[in-house]
């Protein structure tokens, strides 16, 4: 995989672009069975493209949030091998990239997980995703619903290897303000599949405004995939 194909984007830059390019939420579907293992190798960058920011992640050992994609996310069907081969939070860094866009009312954000450790490790399934804020990691609103129509292969990440998940976010303006209770956020809490430890991914601005009402389902997350 050519890592130069996707540069991580600072949250402020991405927030500005999302105001212009919006994407519709992924539609539901039948869960796809696991496909063969995919190996992700870090390859030398080509050309002059360089990441525009260094991902910042903070590991926490707090229990996962309640909801459809709480702590641990979901490993999905067909999980095999030794759990010790899974990438740990201490071996991962995370950042934000453009998740594509299209229709008004919602948009996509890519959460990119990079193996920053010294060994190859595996990731498979759907991560737990939620907005957090208040300067102390408090969850805001409902955890993301898992889009089970997306395939969930086991990905083996060599050191430097990357995978991503697309998070679809419905804009708070689509809801009644009294029902939604819009609130600014500090970013995302991400639980790698199978983990009860999380990574904080900073993101701020109007594009990352959350509905504080946990009865409003604003987020949808797909399975981890290569790009």
Foldseek 3Di string as FASTA:
>chain_A
DAPLVFAFDPQVVQLVVCVVFAADDDDADDADAADAEAEFEYDDHDDDRDHPDDFDKDKDLAFFDDAQQTAQGAQHPPDDDDPVQADDPVQKTWGWTAPGGDDPFKHKIKIKIAGQDQAKGKAWWWKWKFFAAPVPRHGAAHIAHERSVAHIYIYTYGHGGMKIKIKMFGAPVVDDCVQQVKDWTQAMWIHGHRGRMTIGTGHTDRNRIGRRRNVDHGIYMYMIGHD
